Amino acid sequence: MTILQKEIRQEWLEHILPFWMKLKDEQYGGYYGEVGYDLNISSNPPKGGIATARLLWSFAAAYRITGDSQYAQHARHAYQFLSGPLYDQEHEGIYWAVDYQGNPLDTRKHVYNQAFAIYAFSEYYRATGEEEALQLSIRLFRWLEQTGYNHQTGAYREEFDRFWQEQPNEMLSENGVIADITMNTHIHILEAYTNLYRVWPDEQVHQALDNLLLILHDRMYDPQLRRLNVFFDNQWNSLLDLTSFGHDIEASWLIDDAMQVIGNTDPVYQQMVIDMAYRVAEVAIQPDGSLMNEQENDHIDTSRIWWVQAEAVVGFYNAYQRTGDNQFLQLIDKLWAYIKVHIIDPRPGGEWFWSADDQGEPGQREVAGMWKCPYHNSRFCIEITERMN
């Protein structure tokens, strides 16, 4: 094991996972909904569907890889909450959020949220063989294909109310627009279906993955700018001149992963994967080795967001595996050095900061919350330690 592998595995097992395990809510189920920048745990904020699914995925993957029963116990705890209070037994699907006691709070059904549940349930089945989890994954997959996919636009819809009536996409729109179609939702449906196909290699999932690859390449990818456009209307007009560097580098390896799982060797897709990784390396890396967040028109957001740094390490290593170009290894070394100094929280009881600014000072946002979970940094640790073996 290389020094890099050893350090990253140690960060995962000795720092990241222990932080999240201490947030287990023994009284009401699930995991506490928020830890502030001051590291105070709040026991009564809402518990989100996305956060719970990501916790389930993280603990299930940890158990699958290590065989350590403590992770199985935490995965079971998260599974019971995601398949219990967060699952709408009457109308199907995962709620956006419940209150701290597990009562429905925000009952909207977002396709992004359902995708993460598929991702988590399939991983739990992969780790434990729990048949019920596989069946929940399949139910949600079929529901998304039946209700979530819009055959007229050739895209997945975004947001619904509890009764699956389509609503404006408030939860996955940003930057002053309300988008009918988002790249973010589509790459995470791809990710979810890829994991489902690993454990349930059904032809329907294969076809859906082929279609998602087509959507990403033919509808969302800009070959001149070597990026995925982010927000679209129902006529597939791009709504903003926006580059999300974190999503591009994350998508590059998620696309490649999907292709490998279903055996798709289309050279056009392979070239897209490589070109996106090279573009991010060329334009988004800062002198300190970190990755800036995004660019809208001429405005650059240089915030170093925690998940962007994590996904960049995986994306660059994937690009190295595909090209053999050693520049990607050099980028990883510098980026990991940056993460260790500026993103990993050195305070006792901390985890990773949300972000750092140009001077390397941490952004004082929550350490755990509806969007801040162990999924990105746990997965980075898993991917790198396993890929480098």
Protein backbone atom coordinates (compact mmCIF):
# COMPACT_ATOMS: atom_id res chain seq x y z
CA MET A 1 0.00 0.00 0.00
CA THR A 2 1.41 3.41 -0.97
CA ILE A 3 1.71 6.27 1.50
CA LEU A 4 -1.16 8.01 -0.30
CA GLN A 5 -3.41 4.95 0.00
CA LYS A 6 -2.52 4.49 3.65
CA GLU A 7 -3.24 8.11 4.52
CA ILE A 8 -6.55 8.13 2.68
CA ARG A 9 -7.73 4.84 4.18
CA GLN A 10 -6.78 6.09 7.63
CA GLU A 11 -8.72 9.30 7.05
CA TRP A 12 -11.78 7.25 6.09
CA LEU A 13 -11.71 4.71 8.92
CA GLU A 14 -10.31 6.82 11.75
CA HIS A 15 -11.79 10.25 11.07
CA ILE A 16 -14.71 10.39 8.63
CA LEU A 17 -16.73 7.33 9.65
CA PRO A 18 -16.33 7.80 13.44
CA PHE A 19 -17.68 11.36 13.13
CA TRP A 20 -20.88 10.18 11.46
CA MET A 21 -21.35 7.18 13.73
CA LYS A 22 -21.60 9.46 16.76
CA LEU A 23 -24.63 11.19 15.18
CA LYS A 24 -26.82 8.10 15.50
CA ASP A 25 -30.21 8.99 17.01
CA GLU A 26 -31.06 6.11 19.31
CA GLN A 27 -34.36 7.62 20.39
CA TYR A 28 -36.13 8.55 17.14
CA GLY A 29 -34.08 6.72 14.52
CA GLY A 30 -31.85 7.91 11.74
CA TYR A 31 -29.05 10.40 12.35
CA TYR A 32 -29.13 13.86 13.86
CA GLY A 33 -29.92 16.43 11.22
CA GLU A 34 -27.29 19.07 11.84
CA VAL A 35 -23.89 19.77 13.33
CA GLY A 36 -22.93 23.43 13.25
CA TYR A 37 -19.55 24.92 12.44
CA ASP A 38 -19.07 25.16 16.20
CA LEU A 39 -19.38 21.32 16.29
CA ASN A 40 -22.51 21.46 18.45
CA ILE A 41 -24.89 18.65 17.57
CA SER A 42 -28.51 19.75 17.10
CA SER A 43 -30.95 16.96 17.90
CA ASN A 44 -34.13 18.51 16.50
CA PRO A 45 -33.49 19.73 12.91
CA PRO A 46 -35.23 17.85 10.06
CA LYS A 47 -33.78 14.61 8.74
CA GLY A 48 -33.44 14.62 4.97
CA GLY A 49 -34.02 11.84 2.49
CA ILE A 50 -30.84 12.64 0.59
CA ALA A 51 -28.69 12.75 3.73
CA THR A 52 -30.15 9.49 5.04
CA ALA A 53 -29.63 7.72 1.72
CA ARG A 54 -26.05 8.90 1.58
CA LEU A 55 -25.43 7.74 5.15
CA LEU A 56 -26.89 4.35 4.27
CA TRP A 57 -24.70 4.07 1.18
CA SER A 58 -21.60 5.10 3.16
CA PHE A 59 -22.07 2.61 5.98
CA ALA A 60 -23.13 -0.21 3.65
CA ALA A 61 -20.07 0.34 1.45
CA ALA A 62 -17.85 0.44 4.54
CA TYR A 63 -19.26 -2.89 5.70
CA ARG A 64 -18.93 -4.44 2.24
CA ILE A 65 -15.28 -3.49 2.00
CA THR A 66 -14.07 -4.03 5.58
CA GLY A 67 -16.45 -6.68 6.90
CA ASP A 68 -16.54 -4.77 10.19
CA SER A 69 -19.85 -5.44 11.95
CA GLN A 70 -20.07 -1.94 13.45
CA TYR A 71 -20.68 -0.57 9.95
CA ALA A 72 -23.34 -3.22 9.32
CA GLN A 73 -25.14 -2.05 12.45
CA HIS A 74 -25.06 1.57 11.34
CA ALA A 75 -26.14 0.63 7.81
CA ARG A 76 -29.09 -1.26 9.29
CA HIS A 77 -30.01 1.75 11.40
CA ALA A 78 -29.97 4.07 8.37
CA TYR A 79 -31.82 1.50 6.27
CA GLN A 80 -34.64 1.25 8.78
CA PHE A 81 -35.11 5.02 8.74
CA LEU A 82 -34.95 5.39 4.95
CA SER A 83 -37.32 2.48 4.34
CA GLY A 84 -39.52 3.48 7.29
CA PRO A 85 -40.33 7.11 8.18
CA LEU A 86 -38.87 8.54 4.96
CA TYR A 87 -40.68 6.12 2.65
CA ASP A 88 -44.23 7.04 1.65
CA GLN A 89 -45.94 3.66 1.86
CA GLU A 90 -49.23 5.10 0.62
CA HIS A 91 -48.08 6.95 -2.49
CA GLU A 92 -44.58 5.50 -3.08
CA GLY A 93 -41.28 7.31 -3.03
CA ILE A 94 -38.96 9.02 -0.57
CA TYR A 95 -39.95 12.25 1.15
CA TRP A 96 -37.65 15.23 0.94
CA ALA A 97 -37.57 15.46 4.75
CA VAL A 98 -39.18 14.34 7.97
CA ASP A 99 -38.95 16.06 11.34
CA TYR A 100 -36.53 14.88 13.99
CA GLN A 101 -39.12 12.43 15.33
CA GLY A 102 -39.71 10.91 11.89
CA ASN A 103 -43.02 12.61 11.03
CA PRO A 104 -43.53 13.76 7.42
CA LEU A 105 -42.40 17.37 7.08
CA ASP A 106 -41.62 18.10 3.43
CA THR A 107 -43.46 15.49 1.38
CA ARG A 108 -42.32 16.54 -2.07
CA LYS A 109 -40.85 13.75 -4.20
CA HIS A 110 -37.76 14.77 -6.11
CA VAL A 111 -36.30 12.46 -8.73
CA TYR A 112 -32.80 13.26 -7.43
CA ASN A 113 -33.90 12.04 -4.01
CA GLN A 114 -35.36 8.81 -5.41
CA ALA A 115 -32.12 8.19 -7.30
CA PHE A 116 -30.10 8.35 -4.12
CA ALA A 117 -32.47 5.92 -2.45
CA ILE A 118 -31.92 3.45 -5.33
CA TYR A 119 -28.18 3.97 -4.95
CA ALA A 120 -28.33 3.33 -1.20
CA PHE A 121 -30.76 0.41 -1.19
CA SER A 122 -28.81 -1.38 -3.92
CA GLU A 123 -25.57 -0.87 -1.99
CA TYR A 124 -27.18 -2.22 1.16
CA TYR A 125 -28.27 -5.30 -0.75
CA ARG A 126 -24.79 -5.59 -2.26
CA ALA A 127 -23.26 -5.52 1.23
CA THR A 128 -25.75 -7.65 3.15
CA GLY A 129 -27.87 -9.64 0.71
CA GLU A 130 -31.01 -8.12 2.24
CA GLU A 131 -33.64 -9.03 -0.37
CA GLU A 132 -36.10 -6.38 0.80
CA ALA A 133 -33.57 -3.67 -0.04
CA LEU A 134 -33.18 -4.98 -3.58
CA GLN A 135 -36.93 -5.04 -4.05
CA LEU A 136 -37.20 -1.43 -2.84
CA SER A 137 -34.52 -0.46 -5.38
CA ILE A 138 -36.43 -2.17 -8.15
CA ARG A 139 -39.74 -0.58 -7.11
CA LEU A 140 -38.20 2.88 -7.18
CA PHE A 141 -36.47 2.18 -10.49
CA ARG A 142 -39.75 1.15 -12.09
CA TRP A 143 -41.52 4.14 -10.60
CA LEU A 144 -38.94 6.54 -12.00
CA GLU A 145 -39.10 4.95 -15.43
CA GLN A 146 -42.90 5.06 -15.42
CA THR A 147 -43.48 8.46 -13.81
CA GLY A 148 -40.17 10.29 -13.77
CA TYR A 149 -39.15 9.88 -17.39
CA ASN A 150 -40.71 12.30 -19.86
CA HIS A 151 -40.89 10.61 -23.28
CA GLN A 152 -41.80 13.90 -24.96
CA THR A 153 -38.64 15.72 -23.90
CA GLY A 154 -36.42 12.65 -23.65
CA ALA A 155 -35.36 13.67 -20.13
CA TYR A 156 -36.17 12.84 -16.55
CA ARG A 157 -38.54 15.16 -14.79
CA GLU A 158 -37.34 16.78 -11.59
CA GLU A 159 -39.82 17.62 -8.84
CA PHE A 160 -43.23 16.31 -7.79
CA ASP A 161 -45.56 16.77 -4.84
CA ARG A 162 -46.45 13.88 -2.56
CA PHE A 163 -49.08 12.64 -5.02
CA TRP A 164 -46.67 12.69 -7.98
CA GLN A 165 -48.08 15.81 -9.58
CA GLU A 166 -45.23 17.63 -11.30
CA GLN A 167 -44.09 20.88 -9.66
CA PRO A 168 -41.57 23.64 -10.48
CA ASN A 169 -38.07 22.41 -9.77
CA GLU A 170 -37.24 24.51 -6.71
CA MET A 171 -34.90 22.08 -4.98
CA LEU A 172 -32.37 21.43 -7.78
CA SER A 173 -32.39 24.85 -9.43
CA GLU A 174 -29.84 27.52 -8.56
CA ASN A 175 -28.21 30.69 -9.87
CA GLY A 176 -31.55 32.50 -10.30
CA VAL A 177 -33.24 30.05 -12.68
CA ILE A 178 -35.92 27.38 -12.32
CA ALA A 179 -34.79 24.55 -14.57
CA ASP A 180 -37.09 21.96 -16.13
CA ILE A 181 -34.12 19.65 -16.70
CA THR A 182 -30.84 19.50 -14.78
CA MET A 183 -27.54 17.80 -15.42
CA ASN A 184 -27.16 17.12 -11.70
CA THR A 185 -30.25 14.94 -11.49
CA HIS A 186 -29.27 12.99 -14.60
CA ILE A 187 -25.73 12.14 -13.51
CA HIS A 188 -27.06 10.84 -10.20
CA ILE A 189 -29.74 8.74 -11.85
CA LEU A 190 -26.88 7.32 -13.92
CA GLU A 191 -24.91 6.62 -10.74
CA ALA A 192 -27.92 4.96 -9.08
CA TYR A 193 -28.82 2.78 -12.04
CA THR A 194 -25.17 1.73 -12.40
CA ASN A 195 -25.15 0.45 -8.83
CA LEU A 196 -28.52 -1.24 -9.31
CA TYR A 197 -27.25 -2.98 -12.45
CA ARG A 198 -24.33 -4.39 -10.48
CA VAL A 199 -26.75 -6.39 -8.33
CA TRP A 200 -29.72 -6.71 -10.71
CA PRO A 201 -28.41 -6.87 -14.31
CA ASP A 202 -31.84 -6.53 -15.87
CA GLU A 203 -32.23 -5.48 -19.49
CA GLN A 204 -34.53 -2.59 -18.49
CA VAL A 205 -31.74 -1.07 -16.41
CA HIS A 206 -29.24 -1.63 -19.22
CA GLN A 207 -31.51 0.21 -21.67
CA ALA A 208 -32.05 3.06 -19.21
CA LEU A 209 -28.29 3.42 -18.75
CA ASP A 210 -27.71 3.45 -22.50
CA ASN A 211 -30.34 6.17 -22.77
CA LEU A 212 -28.77 8.22 -19.97
CA LEU A 213 -25.37 8.07 -21.67
CA LEU A 214 -27.04 9.27 -24.86
CA ILE A 215 -28.76 12.14 -23.03
CA LEU A 216 -25.53 13.23 -21.37
CA HIS A 217 -23.55 13.17 -24.61
CA ASP A 218 -26.09 14.34 -27.16
CA ARG A 219 -28.12 16.81 -25.08
CA MET A 220 -25.97 18.06 -22.23
CA TYR A 221 -22.37 17.86 -23.40
CA ASP A 222 -20.82 20.86 -25.15
CA PRO A 223 -17.89 19.47 -27.18
CA GLN A 224 -16.46 22.93 -27.87
CA LEU A 225 -16.29 23.87 -24.18
CA ARG A 226 -15.72 20.25 -23.10
CA ARG A 227 -18.28 20.55 -20.31
CA LEU A 228 -21.79 19.49 -19.40
CA ASN A 229 -24.29 22.32 -19.47
CA VAL A 230 -26.15 22.52 -16.18
CA PHE A 231 -29.71 23.87 -16.53
CA PHE A 232 -32.22 23.49 -19.38
CA ASP A 233 -35.80 24.32 -20.23
CA ASN A 234 -38.20 21.75 -21.69
CA GLN A 235 -36.99 22.56 -25.21
CA TRP A 236 -33.41 21.72 -24.20
CA ASN A 237 -32.28 25.32 -24.32
CA SER A 238 -29.37 25.88 -21.95
CA LEU A 239 -30.45 28.50 -19.42
CA LEU A 240 -27.04 29.74 -18.26
CA ASP A 241 -23.45 29.98 -19.40
CA LEU A 242 -22.36 27.99 -16.37
CA THR A 243 -19.51 25.55 -15.81
CA SER A 244 -19.64 23.42 -12.67
CA PHE A 245 -16.11 22.09 -12.39
CA GLY A 246 -16.99 19.70 -9.59
CA HIS A 247 -19.88 18.16 -11.48
CA ASP A 248 -17.82 17.85 -14.65
CA ILE A 249 -14.99 15.95 -12.99
CA GLU A 250 -17.45 13.84 -10.99
CA ALA A 251 -19.51 13.08 -14.10
CA SER A 252 -16.39 12.07 -16.03
CA TRP A 253 -15.74 9.08 -13.79
CA LEU A 254 -19.41 8.25 -13.17
CA ILE A 255 -19.95 8.02 -16.93
CA ASP A 256 -16.87 5.86 -17.29
CA ASP A 257 -18.05 3.63 -14.42
CA ALA A 258 -21.46 3.15 -16.04
CA MET A 259 -19.84 2.28 -19.35
CA GLN A 260 -17.65 -0.35 -17.76
CA VAL A 261 -20.50 -1.92 -15.79
CA ILE A 262 -22.71 -2.39 -18.87
CA GLY A 263 -19.84 -3.07 -21.28
CA ASN A 264 -20.34 0.04 -23.42
CA THR A 265 -17.13 0.83 -25.33
CA ASP A 266 -18.38 3.68 -27.50
CA PRO A 267 -15.24 5.73 -28.32
CA VAL A 268 -17.30 8.93 -28.52
CA TYR A 269 -18.29 8.56 -24.87
CA GLN A 270 -14.75 7.59 -23.92
CA GLN A 271 -13.45 10.75 -25.55
CA MET A 272 -16.01 12.86 -23.68
CA VAL A 273 -14.80 11.41 -20.37
CA ILE A 274 -11.16 12.20 -21.15
CA ASP A 275 -11.84 15.65 -22.60
CA MET A 276 -13.82 16.76 -19.54
CA ALA A 277 -11.05 15.65 -17.19
CA TYR A 278 -8.40 17.49 -19.23
CA ARG A 279 -10.47 20.67 -19.35
CA VAL A 280 -10.99 20.72 -15.58
CA ALA A 281 -7.27 20.13 -15.12
CA GLU A 282 -6.46 22.98 -17.51
CA VAL A 283 -8.82 25.69 -16.28
CA ALA A 284 -10.02 24.95 -12.73
CA ILE A 285 -6.88 24.05 -10.78
CA GLN A 286 -5.52 26.80 -8.54
CA PRO A 287 -1.80 27.38 -7.81
CA ASP A 288 -2.22 25.70 -4.41
CA GLY A 289 -3.45 22.51 -6.09
CA SER A 290 -7.11 22.94 -5.16
CA LEU A 291 -10.13 23.09 -7.46
CA MET A 292 -12.34 26.15 -7.77
CA ASN A 293 -16.10 25.71 -7.73
CA GLU A 294 -17.72 27.12 -10.86
CA GLN A 295 -17.75 29.81 -13.51
CA GLU A 296 -20.86 31.69 -14.67
CA ASN A 297 -20.20 33.93 -17.66
CA ASP A 298 -17.01 35.76 -16.62
CA HIS A 299 -17.56 35.39 -12.87
CA ILE A 300 -15.47 32.71 -11.19
CA ASP A 301 -16.42 31.28 -7.82
CA THR A 302 -13.07 30.30 -6.37
CA SER A 303 -14.50 28.68 -3.23
CA ARG A 304 -12.89 25.33 -2.56
CA ILE A 305 -15.94 23.21 -1.73
CA TRP A 306 -15.28 19.98 0.17
CA TRP A 307 -17.08 17.67 -2.25
CA VAL A 308 -15.47 19.24 -5.32
CA GLN A 309 -12.00 18.47 -3.98
CA ALA A 310 -12.99 14.87 -3.16
CA GLU A 311 -14.54 14.17 -6.56
CA ALA A 312 -11.59 15.76 -8.35
CA VAL A 313 -9.19 13.24 -6.83
CA VAL A 314 -11.30 10.35 -8.12
CA GLY A 315 -11.87 11.95 -11.50
CA PHE A 316 -8.18 12.66 -12.00
CA TYR A 317 -7.19 9.15 -11.01
CA ASN A 318 -9.77 7.75 -13.40
CA ALA A 319 -8.32 9.97 -16.14
CA TYR A 320 -4.84 8.65 -15.31
CA GLN A 321 -6.10 5.08 -15.61
CA ARG A 322 -7.61 5.87 -19.02
CA THR A 323 -4.71 7.89 -20.44
CA GLY A 324 -1.54 6.98 -18.50
CA ASP A 325 -0.80 10.71 -18.29
CA ASN A 326 1.28 11.29 -15.16
CA GLN A 327 0.11 14.89 -14.84
CA PHE A 328 -3.05 13.53 -13.24
CA LEU A 329 -1.01 11.80 -10.52
CA GLN A 330 0.82 15.06 -9.85
CA LEU A 331 -2.51 16.88 -9.57
CA ILE A 332 -3.74 14.29 -7.07
CA ASP A 333 -0.65 14.67 -4.89
CA LYS A 334 -1.08 18.43 -4.71
CA LEU A 335 -4.82 18.21 -4.17
CA TRP A 336 -4.49 15.68 -1.35
CA ALA A 337 -1.90 17.92 0.29
CA TYR A 338 -4.38 20.80 0.07
CA ILE A 339 -7.23 18.73 1.49
CA LYS A 340 -5.12 17.65 4.46
CA VAL A 341 -4.21 21.24 5.36
CA HIS A 342 -7.34 23.22 4.49
CA ILE A 343 -10.40 20.94 4.17
CA ILE A 344 -9.96 18.30 6.87
CA ASP A 345 -11.03 19.81 10.19
CA PRO A 346 -8.19 19.42 12.71
CA ARG A 347 -10.39 20.22 15.70
CA PRO A 348 -11.26 17.33 18.03
CA GLY A 349 -14.68 16.04 17.04
CA GLY A 350 -14.62 17.65 13.59
CA GLU A 351 -14.85 16.14 10.11
CA TRP A 352 -14.36 18.15 6.87
CA PHE A 353 -15.07 21.85 6.53
CA TRP A 354 -17.71 22.82 4.00
CA SER A 355 -15.22 24.94 2.08
CA ALA A 356 -12.12 27.09 2.20
CA ASP A 357 -11.53 30.52 0.70
CA ASP A 358 -8.62 31.87 -1.36
CA GLN A 359 -6.51 32.23 1.79
CA GLY A 360 -7.32 28.69 2.93
CA GLU A 361 -9.61 29.84 5.73
CA PRO A 362 -12.61 27.57 6.37
CA GLY A 363 -16.10 28.67 5.43
CA GLN A 364 -18.18 28.71 8.59
CA ARG A 365 -21.08 26.59 7.38
CA GLU A 366 -22.54 23.47 8.97
CA VAL A 367 -20.37 20.37 9.23
CA ALA A 368 -23.37 18.04 8.89
CA GLY A 369 -26.75 18.81 7.38
CA MET A 370 -29.25 18.14 4.62
CA TRP A 371 -26.49 18.33 1.97
CA LYS A 372 -23.37 17.68 4.06
CA CYS A 373 -22.91 13.94 4.46
CA PRO A 374 -20.09 11.35 4.28
CA TYR A 375 -20.91 10.23 0.75
CA HIS A 376 -18.43 12.30 -1.28
CA ASN A 377 -15.43 11.99 0.99
CA SER A 378 -16.11 8.36 1.98
CA ARG A 379 -16.43 7.42 -1.67
CA PHE A 380 -13.24 9.25 -2.58
CA CYS A 381 -11.41 7.26 0.09
CA ILE A 382 -12.92 3.99 -1.16
CA GLU A 383 -12.29 4.66 -4.84
CA ILE A 384 -8.66 5.67 -4.44
CA THR A 385 -7.64 2.92 -2.04
CA GLU A 386 -9.29 0.27 -4.22
CA ARG A 387 -8.20 1.64 -7.61
CA MET A 388 -4.56 1.89 -6.52
CA ASN A 389 -4.36 -1.77 -5.46
